[in-house]
Amino acid sequence: MSSGIQLNLALILFLPWFAILGTLYWLVPRTPRPAARKTLDVVALLAAVLAFVASVHWAYRHADPAYGSMWKQVLATAVGYAVFLAVLAVAFFLRRAWLRRH
């Protein structure tokens, strides 16, 4: 397997699940949907994906090779998924607080 695919394997495998989570984040709640909310949602989803990619690359490079080559993928995937969910969770609660004020 090429190193580029190996490094981005977690993203390739998680894309369908991230599409589902991103769609749910985008659609819930359905109203109100002003332009500011759409902008916030796009920024949040982009931040979640970029944070995922950055954390996967970081974890892959810093995983201890003494545990085997597969450990790099396992650690990178676990860290990346946690970071993706954390960014979306923070964005969700910030958006909810913002919607309550407006």
PDB file of N, CA and C in Angstrom:
ATOM      1  N   MET A   1       0.847  -1.166   0.000  1.00  0.00           N
ATOM      2  CA  MET A   1       0.000   0.000   0.000  1.00  0.00           C
ATOM      3  C   MET A   1       0.895   1.233   0.000  1.00  0.00           C
ATOM      4  N   SER A   2       0.540   2.220  -0.818  1.00  0.00           N
ATOM      5  CA  SER A   2       1.361   3.427  -0.886  1.00  0.00           C
ATOM      6  C   SER A   2       1.256   4.205   0.416  1.00  0.00           C
ATOM      7  N   SER A   3       2.286   4.986   0.712  1.00  0.00           N
ATOM      8  CA  SER A   3       2.313   5.720   1.978  1.00  0.00           C
ATOM      9  C   SER A   3       1.220   6.782   2.027  1.00  0.00           C
ATOM     10  N   GLY A   4       0.875   7.391   0.879  1.00  0.00           N
ATOM     11  CA  GLY A   4      -0.196   8.382   0.861  1.00  0.00           C
ATOM     12  C   GLY A   4      -1.542   7.781   1.225  1.00  0.00           C
ATOM     13  N   ILE A   5      -1.832   6.614   0.695  1.00  0.00           N
ATOM     14  CA  ILE A   5      -3.090   5.937   1.021  1.00  0.00           C
ATOM     15  C   ILE A   5      -3.059   5.453   2.459  1.00  0.00           C
ATOM     16  N   GLN A   6      -1.933   4.926   2.885  1.00  0.00           N
ATOM     17  CA  GLN A   6      -1.821   4.424   4.246  1.00  0.00           C
ATOM     18  C   GLN A   6      -2.034   5.549   5.257  1.00  0.00           C
ATOM     19  N   LEU A   7      -1.488   6.723   4.982  1.00  0.00           N
ATOM     20  CA  LEU A   7      -1.623   7.850   5.895  1.00  0.00           C
ATOM     21  C   LEU A   7      -3.055   8.374   5.928  1.00  0.00           C
ATOM     22  N   ASN A   8      -3.768   8.304   4.816  1.00  0.00           N
ATOM     23  CA  ASN A   8      -5.137   8.818   4.732  1.00  0.00           C
ATOM     24  C   ASN A   8      -6.200   7.732   4.765  1.00  0.00           C
ATOM     25  N   LEU A   9      -5.822   6.521   5.127  1.00  0.00           N
ATOM     26  CA  LEU A   9      -6.763   5.403   5.144  1.00  0.00           C
ATOM     27  C   LEU A   9      -7.928   5.653   6.098  1.00  0.00           C
ATOM     28  N   ALA A  10      -7.663   6.239   7.246  1.00  0.00           N
ATOM     29  CA  ALA A  10      -8.747   6.518   8.203  1.00  0.00           C
ATOM     30  C   ALA A  10      -9.776   7.459   7.588  1.00  0.00           C
ATOM     31  N   LEU A  11      -9.310   8.488   6.894  1.00  0.00           N
ATOM     32  CA  LEU A  11     -10.252   9.418   6.265  1.00  0.00           C
ATOM     33  C   LEU A  11     -11.047   8.715   5.173  1.00  0.00           C
ATOM     34  N   ILE A  12     -10.401   7.909   4.384  1.00  0.00           N
ATOM     35  CA  ILE A  12     -11.084   7.192   3.302  1.00  0.00           C
ATOM     36  C   ILE A  12     -12.174   6.277   3.869  1.00  0.00           C
ATOM     37  N   LEU A  13     -11.859   5.577   4.954  1.00  0.00           N
ATOM     38  CA  LEU A  13     -12.813   4.639   5.544  1.00  0.00           C
ATOM     39  C   LEU A  13     -13.938   5.337   6.301  1.00  0.00           C
ATOM     40  N   PHE A  14     -13.646   6.501   6.869  1.00  0.00           N
ATOM     41  CA  PHE A  14     -14.644   7.204   7.659  1.00  0.00           C
ATOM     42  C   PHE A  14     -15.491   8.181   6.851  1.00  0.00           C
ATOM     43  N   LEU A  15     -15.173   8.434   5.599  1.00  0.00           N
ATOM     44  CA  LEU A  15     -15.935   9.401   4.816  1.00  0.00           C
ATOM     45  C   LEU A  15     -17.447   9.144   4.804  1.00  0.00           C
ATOM     46  N   PRO A  16     -17.900   7.909   4.604  1.00  0.00           N
ATOM     47  CA  PRO A  16     -19.362   7.699   4.627  1.00  0.00           C
ATOM     48  C   PRO A  16     -19.986   8.048   5.991  1.00  0.00           C
ATOM     49  N   TRP A  17     -19.324   7.667   7.071  1.00  0.00           N
ATOM     50  CA  TRP A  17     -19.853   7.959   8.402  1.00  0.00           C
ATOM     51  C   TRP A  17     -19.817   9.462   8.681  1.00  0.00           C
ATOM     52  N   PHE A  18     -18.753  10.127   8.247  1.00  0.00           N
ATOM     53  CA  PHE A  18     -18.668  11.573   8.423  1.00  0.00           C
ATOM     54  C   PHE A  18     -19.736  12.278   7.592  1.00  0.00           C
ATOM     55  N   ALA A  19     -20.064  11.749   6.438  1.00  0.00           N
ATOM     56  CA  ALA A  19     -21.134  12.327   5.623  1.00  0.00           C
ATOM     57  C   ALA A  19     -22.476  12.217   6.347  1.00  0.00           C
ATOM     58  N   ILE A  20     -22.716  11.100   7.004  1.00  0.00           N
ATOM     59  CA  ILE A  20     -23.956  10.922   7.762  1.00  0.00           C
ATOM     60  C   ILE A  20     -23.989  11.883   8.948  1.00  0.00           C
ATOM     61  N   LEU A  21     -22.913  11.938   9.732  1.00  0.00           N
ATOM     62  CA  LEU A  21     -22.868  12.838  10.887  1.00  0.00           C
ATOM     63  C   LEU A  21     -22.959  14.303  10.461  1.00  0.00           C
ATOM     64  N   GLY A  22     -22.273  14.646   9.383  1.00  0.00           N
ATOM     65  CA  GLY A  22     -22.319  16.010   8.884  1.00  0.00           C
ATOM     66  C   GLY A  22     -23.708  16.401   8.414  1.00  0.00           C
ATOM     67  N   THR A  23     -24.398  15.488   7.762  1.00  0.00           N
ATOM     68  CA  THR A  23     -25.767  15.744   7.316  1.00  0.00           C
ATOM     69  C   THR A  23     -26.701  15.940   8.502  1.00  0.00           C
ATOM     70  N   LEU A  24     -26.558  15.102   9.519  1.00  0.00           N
ATOM     71  CA  LEU A  24     -27.380  15.263  10.722  1.00  0.00           C
ATOM     72  C   LEU A  24     -27.098  16.590  11.410  1.00  0.00           C
ATOM     73  N   TYR A  25     -25.815  16.947  11.491  1.00  0.00           N
ATOM     74  CA  TYR A  25     -25.454  18.229  12.094  1.00  0.00           C
ATOM     75  C   TYR A  25     -26.084  19.377  11.298  1.00  0.00           C
ATOM     76  N   TRP A  26     -26.046  19.282   9.993  1.00  0.00           N
ATOM     77  CA  TRP A  26     -26.574  20.338   9.119  1.00  0.00           C
ATOM     78  C   TRP A  26     -28.095  20.465   9.251  1.00  0.00           C
ATOM     79  N   LEU A  27     -28.799  19.346   9.359  1.00  0.00           N
ATOM     80  CA  LEU A  27     -30.262  19.357   9.308  1.00  0.00           C
ATOM     81  C   LEU A  27     -30.955  19.572  10.651  1.00  0.00           C
ATOM     82  N   VAL A  28     -30.295  19.291  11.759  1.00  0.00           N
ATOM     83  CA  VAL A  28     -30.953  19.370  13.067  1.00  0.00           C
ATOM     84  C   VAL A  28     -30.455  20.586  13.809  1.00  0.00           C
ATOM     85  N   PRO A  29     -31.268  21.478  14.279  1.00  0.00           N
ATOM     86  CA  PRO A  29     -32.696  21.605  14.043  1.00  0.00           C
ATOM     87  C   PRO A  29     -32.973  22.216  12.682  1.00  0.00           C
ATOM     88  N   ARG A  30     -34.125  21.957  12.154  1.00  0.00           N
ATOM     89  CA  ARG A  30     -34.467  22.407  10.802  1.00  0.00           C
ATOM     90  C   ARG A  30     -34.661  23.910  10.710  1.00  0.00           C
ATOM     91  N   THR A  31     -35.189  24.516  11.745  1.00  0.00           N
ATOM     92  CA  THR A  31     -35.410  25.966  11.722  1.00  0.00           C
ATOM     93  C   THR A  31     -34.896  26.566  13.016  1.00  0.00           C
ATOM     94  N   PRO A  32     -34.526  27.780  13.094  1.00  0.00           N
ATOM     95  CA  PRO A  32     -34.380  28.753  12.017  1.00  0.00           C
ATOM     96  C   PRO A  32     -33.096  28.499  11.228  1.00  0.00           C
ATOM     97  N   ARG A  33     -33.071  28.955  10.006  1.00  0.00           N
ATOM     98  CA  ARG A  33     -31.921  28.716   9.144  1.00  0.00           C
ATOM     99  C   ARG A  33     -31.483  30.019   8.452  1.00  0.00           C
ATOM    100  N   PRO A  34     -31.054  31.017   9.248  1.00  0.00           N
ATOM    101  CA  PRO A  34     -30.567  32.251   8.617  1.00  0.00           C
ATOM    102  C   PRO A  34     -29.197  32.025   7.969  1.00  0.00           C
ATOM    103  N   ALA A  35     -28.769  32.994   7.196  1.00  0.00           N
ATOM    104  CA  ALA A  35     -27.481  32.877   6.487  1.00  0.00           C
ATOM    105  C   ALA A  35     -26.320  32.719   7.463  1.00  0.00           C
ATOM    106  N   ALA A  36     -26.406  33.378   8.611  1.00  0.00           N
ATOM    107  CA  ALA A  36     -25.329  33.266   9.604  1.00  0.00           C
ATOM    108  C   ALA A  36     -25.200  31.831  10.112  1.00  0.00           C
ATOM    109  N   ARG A  37     -26.319  31.152  10.272  1.00  0.00           N
ATOM    110  CA  ARG A  37     -26.269  29.756  10.726  1.00  0.00           C
ATOM    111  C   ARG A  37     -25.642  28.861   9.664  1.00  0.00           C
ATOM    112  N   LYS A  38     -25.999  29.084   8.423  1.00  0.00           N
ATOM    113  CA  LYS A  38     -25.406  28.286   7.346  1.00  0.00           C
ATOM    114  C   LYS A  38     -23.901  28.481   7.299  1.00  0.00           C
ATOM    115  N   THR A  39     -23.464  29.718   7.466  1.00  0.00           N
ATOM    116  CA  THR A  39     -22.027  29.998   7.479  1.00  0.00           C
ATOM    117  C   THR A  39     -21.361  29.303   8.657  1.00  0.00           C
ATOM    118  N   LEU A  40     -21.975  29.397   9.834  1.00  0.00           N
ATOM    119  CA  LEU A  40     -21.439  28.724  11.013  1.00  0.00           C
ATOM    120  C   LEU A  40     -21.351  27.217  10.801  1.00  0.00           C
ATOM    121  N   ASP A  41     -22.374  26.639  10.207  1.00  0.00           N
ATOM    122  CA  ASP A  41     -22.389  25.197   9.962  1.00  0.00           C
ATOM    123  C   ASP A  41     -21.288  24.778   8.989  1.00  0.00           C
ATOM    124  N   VAL A  42     -21.105  25.531   7.928  1.00  0.00           N
ATOM    125  CA  VAL A  42     -20.045  25.210   6.960  1.00  0.00           C
ATOM    126  C   VAL A  42     -18.677  25.306   7.625  1.00  0.00           C
ATOM    127  N   VAL A  43     -18.471  26.358   8.398  1.00  0.00           N
ATOM    128  CA  VAL A  43     -17.186  26.534   9.093  1.00  0.00           C
ATOM    129  C   VAL A  43     -16.962  25.396  10.086  1.00  0.00           C
ATOM    130  N   ALA A  44     -17.988  25.006  10.809  1.00  0.00           N
ATOM    131  CA  ALA A  44     -17.862  23.926  11.783  1.00  0.00           C
ATOM    132  C   ALA A  44     -17.528  22.594  11.107  1.00  0.00           C
ATOM    133  N   LEU A  45     -18.206  22.300  10.009  1.00  0.00           N
ATOM    134  CA  LEU A  45     -17.933  21.035   9.312  1.00  0.00           C
ATOM    135  C   LEU A  45     -16.530  21.017   8.709  1.00  0.00           C
ATOM    136  N   LEU A  46     -16.119  22.133   8.129  1.00  0.00           N
ATOM    137  CA  LEU A  46     -14.751  22.212   7.595  1.00  0.00           C
ATOM    138  C   LEU A  46     -13.722  22.099   8.707  1.00  0.00           C
ATOM    139  N   ALA A  47     -13.975  22.755   9.832  1.00  0.00           N
ATOM    140  CA  ALA A  47     -13.052  22.670  10.968  1.00  0.00           C
ATOM    141  C   ALA A  47     -12.959  21.244  11.491  1.00  0.00           C
ATOM    142  N   ALA A  48     -14.081  20.538  11.539  1.00  0.00           N
ATOM    143  CA  ALA A  48     -14.072  19.153  12.019  1.00  0.00           C
ATOM    144  C   ALA A  48     -13.252  18.252  11.103  1.00  0.00           C
ATOM    145  N   VAL A  49     -13.412  18.420   9.800  1.00  0.00           N
ATOM    146  CA  VAL A  49     -12.653  17.592   8.852  1.00  0.00           C
ATOM    147  C   VAL A  49     -11.166  17.947   8.896  1.00  0.00           C
ATOM    148  N   LEU A  50     -10.855  19.230   8.926  1.00  0.00           N
ATOM    149  CA  LEU A  50      -9.446  19.638   8.985  1.00  0.00           C
ATOM    150  C   LEU A  50      -8.788  19.200  10.291  1.00  0.00           C
ATOM    151  N   ALA A  51      -9.516  19.308  11.401  1.00  0.00           N
ATOM    152  CA  ALA A  51      -8.974  18.838  12.681  1.00  0.00           C
ATOM    153  C   ALA A  51      -8.774  17.326  12.648  1.00  0.00           C
ATOM    154  N   PHE A  52      -9.686  16.612  12.014  1.00  0.00           N
ATOM    155  CA  PHE A  52      -9.544  15.160  11.872  1.00  0.00           C
ATOM    156  C   PHE A  52      -8.266  14.821  11.104  1.00  0.00           C
ATOM    157  N   VAL A  53      -8.087  15.451   9.957  1.00  0.00           N
ATOM    158  CA  VAL A  53      -6.911  15.157   9.128  1.00  0.00           C
ATOM    159  C   VAL A  53      -5.626  15.499   9.881  1.00  0.00           C
ATOM    160  N   ALA A  54      -5.591  16.655  10.526  1.00  0.00           N
ATOM    161  CA  ALA A  54      -4.389  17.052  11.264  1.00  0.00           C
ATOM    162  C   ALA A  54      -4.092  16.083  12.403  1.00  0.00           C
ATOM    163  N   SER A  55      -5.128  15.669  13.138  1.00  0.00           N
ATOM    164  CA  SER A  55      -4.894  14.757  14.262  1.00  0.00           C
ATOM    165  C   SER A  55      -4.513  13.358  13.795  1.00  0.00           C
ATOM    166  N   VAL A  56      -5.065  12.921  12.684  1.00  0.00           N
ATOM    167  CA  VAL A  56      -4.687  11.608  12.146  1.00  0.00           C
ATOM    168  C   VAL A  56      -3.218  11.611  11.732  1.00  0.00           C
ATOM    169  N   HIS A  57      -2.808  12.651  11.052  1.00  0.00           N
ATOM    170  CA  HIS A  57      -1.406  12.734  10.628  1.00  0.00           C
ATOM    171  C   HIS A  57      -0.481  12.812  11.841  1.00  0.00           C
ATOM    172  N   TRP A  58      -0.879  13.599  12.845  1.00  0.00           N
ATOM    173  CA  TRP A  58      -0.064  13.712  14.053  1.00  0.00           C
ATOM    174  C   TRP A  58       0.048  12.358  14.751  1.00  0.00           C
ATOM    175  N   ALA A  59      -1.088  11.683  14.971  1.00  0.00           N
ATOM    176  CA  ALA A  59      -1.085  10.402  15.688  1.00  0.00           C
ATOM    177  C   ALA A  59      -0.326   9.332  14.908  1.00  0.00           C
ATOM    178  N   TYR A  60      -0.454   9.328  13.597  1.00  0.00           N
ATOM    179  CA  TYR A  60       0.239   8.335  12.779  1.00  0.00           C
ATOM    180  C   TYR A  60       1.753   8.495  12.907  1.00  0.00           C
ATOM    181  N   ARG A  61       2.198   9.741  12.924  1.00  0.00           N
ATOM    182  CA  ARG A  61       3.643   9.993  13.011  1.00  0.00           C
ATOM    183  C   ARG A  61       4.200   9.752  14.408  1.00  0.00           C
ATOM    184  N   HIS A  62       3.379   9.865  15.443  1.00  0.00           N
ATOM    185  CA  HIS A  62       3.859   9.749  16.810  1.00  0.00           C
ATOM    186  C   HIS A  62       3.529   8.418  17.471  1.00  0.00           C
ATOM    187  N   ALA A  63       2.902   7.514  16.767  1.00  0.00           N
ATOM    188  CA  ALA A  63       2.591   6.201  17.336  1.00  0.00           C
ATOM    189  C   ALA A  63       3.880   5.405  17.518  1.00  0.00           C
ATOM    190  N   ASP A  64       3.936   4.667  18.591  1.00  0.00           N
ATOM    191  CA  ASP A  64       5.123   3.863  18.895  1.00  0.00           C
ATOM    192  C   ASP A  64       5.174   2.641  17.975  1.00  0.00           C
ATOM    193  N   PRO A  65       6.194   2.545  17.106  1.00  0.00           N
ATOM    194  CA  PRO A  65       6.264   1.413  16.179  1.00  0.00           C
ATOM    195  C   PRO A  65       6.571   0.084  16.866  1.00  0.00           C
ATOM    196  N   ALA A  66       6.902   0.113  18.139  1.00  0.00           N
ATOM    197  CA  ALA A  66       7.202  -1.126  18.857  1.00  0.00           C
ATOM    198  C   ALA A  66       5.963  -2.023  18.960  1.00  0.00           C
ATOM    199  N   TYR A  67       4.784  -1.454  18.820  1.00  0.00           N
ATOM    200  CA  TYR A  67       3.542  -2.228  18.910  1.00  0.00           C
ATOM    201  C   TYR A  67       3.086  -2.781  17.568  1.00  0.00           C
ATOM    202  N   GLY A  68       3.875  -2.567  16.535  1.00  0.00           N
ATOM    203  CA  GLY A  68       3.544  -3.089  15.219  1.00  0.00           C
ATOM    204  C   GLY A  68       3.057  -2.000  14.281  1.00  0.00           C
ATOM    205  N   SER A  69       3.086  -2.309  13.002  1.00  0.00           N
ATOM    206  CA  SER A  69       2.717  -1.309  12.006  1.00  0.00           C
ATOM    207  C   SER A  69       1.223  -0.995  12.020  1.00  0.00           C
ATOM    208  N   MET A  70       0.401  -1.935  12.414  1.00  0.00           N
ATOM    209  CA  MET A  70      -1.038  -1.694  12.450  1.00  0.00           C
ATOM    210  C   MET A  70      -1.416  -0.715  13.559  1.00  0.00           C
ATOM    211  N   TRP A  71      -0.609  -0.657  14.620  1.00  0.00           N
ATOM    212  CA  TRP A  71      -0.900   0.243  15.725  1.00  0.00           C
ATOM    213  C   TRP A  71      -0.981   1.698  15.265  1.00  0.00           C
ATOM    214  N   LYS A  72      -0.162   2.068  14.289  1.00  0.00           N
ATOM    215  CA  LYS A  72      -0.202   3.432  13.781  1.00  0.00           C
ATOM    216  C   LYS A  72      -1.581   3.758  13.228  1.00  0.00           C
ATOM    217  N   GLN A  73      -2.167   2.845  12.468  1.00  0.00           N
ATOM    218  CA  GLN A  73      -3.502   3.063  11.908  1.00  0.00           C
ATOM    219  C   GLN A  73      -4.568   3.092  12.999  1.00  0.00           C
ATOM    220  N   VAL A  74      -4.456   2.192  13.953  1.00  0.00           N
ATOM    221  CA  VAL A  74      -5.451   2.116  15.023  1.00  0.00           C
ATOM    222  C   VAL A  74      -5.442   3.398  15.846  1.00  0.00           C
ATOM    223  N   LEU A  75      -4.259   3.830  16.258  1.00  0.00           N
ATOM    224  CA  LEU A  75      -4.160   5.051  17.060  1.00  0.00           C
ATOM    225  C   LEU A  75      -4.625   6.267  16.269  1.00  0.00           C
ATOM    226  N   ALA A  76      -4.187   6.380  15.034  1.00  0.00           N
ATOM    227  CA  ALA A  76      -4.562   7.526  14.209  1.00  0.00           C
ATOM    228  C   ALA A  76      -6.074   7.587  14.012  1.00  0.00           C
ATOM    229  N   THR A  77      -6.699   6.457  13.773  1.00  0.00           N
ATOM    230  CA  THR A  77      -8.143   6.420  13.572  1.00  0.00           C
ATOM    231  C   THR A  77      -8.889   6.793  14.848  1.00  0.00           C
ATOM    232  N   ALA A  78      -8.469   6.251  15.969  1.00  0.00           N
ATOM    233  CA  ALA A  78      -9.138   6.550  17.240  1.00  0.00           C
ATOM    234  C   ALA A  78      -9.004   8.026  17.610  1.00  0.00           C
ATOM    235  N   VAL A  79      -7.813   8.560  17.480  1.00  0.00           N
ATOM    236  CA  VAL A  79      -7.595   9.964  17.813  1.00  0.00           C
ATOM    237  C   VAL A  79      -8.375  10.861  16.844  1.00  0.00           C
ATOM    238  N   GLY A  80      -8.297  10.564  15.568  1.00  0.00           N
ATOM    239  CA  GLY A  80      -8.991  11.376  14.575  1.00  0.00           C
ATOM    240  C   GLY A  80     -10.490  11.386  14.767  1.00  0.00           C
ATOM    241  N   TYR A  81     -11.073  10.241  15.046  1.00  0.00           N
ATOM    242  CA  TYR A  81     -12.514  10.155  15.245  1.00  0.00           C
ATOM    243  C   TYR A  81     -12.939  10.946  16.477  1.00  0.00           C
ATOM    244  N   ALA A  82     -12.161  10.826  17.558  1.00  0.00           N
ATOM    245  CA  ALA A  82     -12.467  11.578  18.781  1.00  0.00           C
ATOM    246  C   ALA A  82     -12.390  13.085  18.529  1.00  0.00           C
ATOM    247  N   VAL A  83     -11.401  13.517  17.777  1.00  0.00           N
ATOM    248  CA  VAL A  83     -11.257  14.945  17.480  1.00  0.00           C
ATOM    249  C   VAL A  83     -12.413  15.425  16.610  1.00  0.00           C
ATOM    250  N   PHE A  84     -12.794  14.654  15.601  1.00  0.00           N
ATOM    251  CA  PHE A  84     -13.923  15.018  14.744  1.00  0.00           C
ATOM    252  C   PHE A  84     -15.190  15.196  15.576  1.00  0.00           C
ATOM    253  N   LEU A  85     -15.480  14.226  16.434  1.00  0.00           N
ATOM    254  CA  LEU A  85     -16.675  14.307  17.272  1.00  0.00           C
ATOM    255  C   LEU A  85     -16.599  15.470  18.257  1.00  0.00           C
ATOM    256  N   ALA A  86     -15.420  15.726  18.800  1.00  0.00           N
ATOM    257  CA  ALA A  86     -15.268  16.830  19.747  1.00  0.00           C
ATOM    258  C   ALA A  86     -15.541  18.175  19.081  1.00  0.00           C
ATOM    259  N   VAL A  87     -15.012  18.376  17.890  1.00  0.00           N
ATOM    260  CA  VAL A  87     -15.239  19.636  17.183  1.00  0.00           C
ATOM    261  C   VAL A  87     -16.719  19.799  16.851  1.00  0.00           C
ATOM    262  N   LEU A  88     -17.351  18.740  16.376  1.00  0.00           N
ATOM    263  CA  LEU A  88     -18.783  18.835  16.067  1.00  0.00           C
ATOM    264  C   LEU A  88     -19.623  19.050  17.324  1.00  0.00           C
ATOM    265  N   ALA A  89     -19.251  18.425  18.429  1.00  0.00           N
ATOM    266  CA  ALA A  89     -19.997  18.609  19.678  1.00  0.00           C
ATOM    267  C   ALA A  89     -19.887  20.052  20.168  1.00  0.00           C
ATOM    268  N   VAL A  90     -18.686  20.606  20.144  1.00  0.00           N
ATOM    269  CA  VAL A  90     -18.507  22.002  20.552  1.00  0.00           C
ATOM    270  C   VAL A  90     -19.308  22.924  19.646  1.00  0.00           C
ATOM    271  N   ALA A  91     -19.241  22.684  18.344  1.00  0.00           N
ATOM    272  CA  ALA A  91     -19.989  23.506  17.390  1.00  0.00           C
ATOM    273  C   ALA A  91     -21.495  23.377  17.618  1.00  0.00           C
ATOM    274  N   PHE A  92     -21.951  22.178  17.923  1.00  0.00           N
ATOM    275  CA  PHE A  92     -23.375  21.958  18.166  1.00  0.00           C
ATOM    276  C   PHE A  92     -23.860  22.779  19.360  1.00  0.00           C
ATOM    277  N   PHE A  93     -23.120  22.734  20.460  1.00  0.00           N
ATOM    278  CA  PHE A  93     -23.545  23.459  21.656  1.00  0.00           C
ATOM    279  C   PHE A  93     -23.394  24.966  21.493  1.00  0.00           C
ATOM    280  N   LEU A  94     -22.377  25.407  20.776  1.00  0.00           N
ATOM    281  CA  LEU A  94     -22.248  26.839  20.487  1.00  0.00           C
ATOM    282  C   LEU A  94     -23.397  27.323  19.609  1.00  0.00           C
ATOM    283  N   ARG A  95     -23.744  26.515  18.611  1.00  0.00           N
ATOM    284  CA  ARG A  95     -24.851  26.880  17.727  1.00  0.00           C
ATOM    285  C   ARG A  95     -26.162  26.913  18.496  1.00  0.00           C
ATOM    286  N   ARG A  96     -26.369  25.947  19.378  1.00  0.00           N
ATOM    287  CA  ARG A  96     -27.598  25.908  20.172  1.00  0.00           C
ATOM    288  C   ARG A  96     -27.715  27.138  21.069  1.00  0.00           C
ATOM    289  N   ALA A  97     -26.608  27.527  21.700  1.00  0.00           N
ATOM    290  CA  ALA A  97     -26.618  28.728  22.538  1.00  0.00           C
ATOM    291  C   ALA A  97     -26.883  29.973  21.695  1.00  0.00           C
ATOM    292  N   TRP A  98     -26.293  30.025  20.515  1.00  0.00           N
ATOM    293  CA  TRP A  98     -26.488  31.169  19.619  1.00  0.00           C
ATOM    294  C   TRP A  98     -27.936  31.251  19.140  1.00  0.00           C
ATOM    295  N   LEU A  99     -28.517  30.109  18.805  1.00  0.00           N
ATOM    296  CA  LEU A  99     -29.915  30.095  18.348  1.00  0.00           C
ATOM    297  C   LEU A  99     -30.879  30.497  19.455  1.00  0.00           C
ATOM    298  N   ARG A 100     -30.571  30.146  20.690  1.00  0.00           N
ATOM    299  CA  ARG A 100     -31.450  30.530  21.805  1.00  0.00           C
ATOM    300  C   ARG A 100     -31.433  32.043  22.019  1.00  0.00           C
ATOM    301  N   ARG A 101     -30.305  32.677  21.770  1.00  0.00           N
ATOM    302  CA  ARG A 101     -30.205  34.127  21.939  1.00  0.00           C
ATOM    303  C   ARG A 101     -30.898  34.886  20.829  1.00  0.00           C
ATOM    304  N   HIS A 102     -31.028  34.276  19.668  1.00  0.00           N
ATOM    305  CA  HIS A 102     -31.618  34.984  18.526  1.00  0.00           C
ATOM    306  C   HIS A 102     -32.982  34.459  18.282  1.00  0.00           C
TER     307      HIS A 102
END
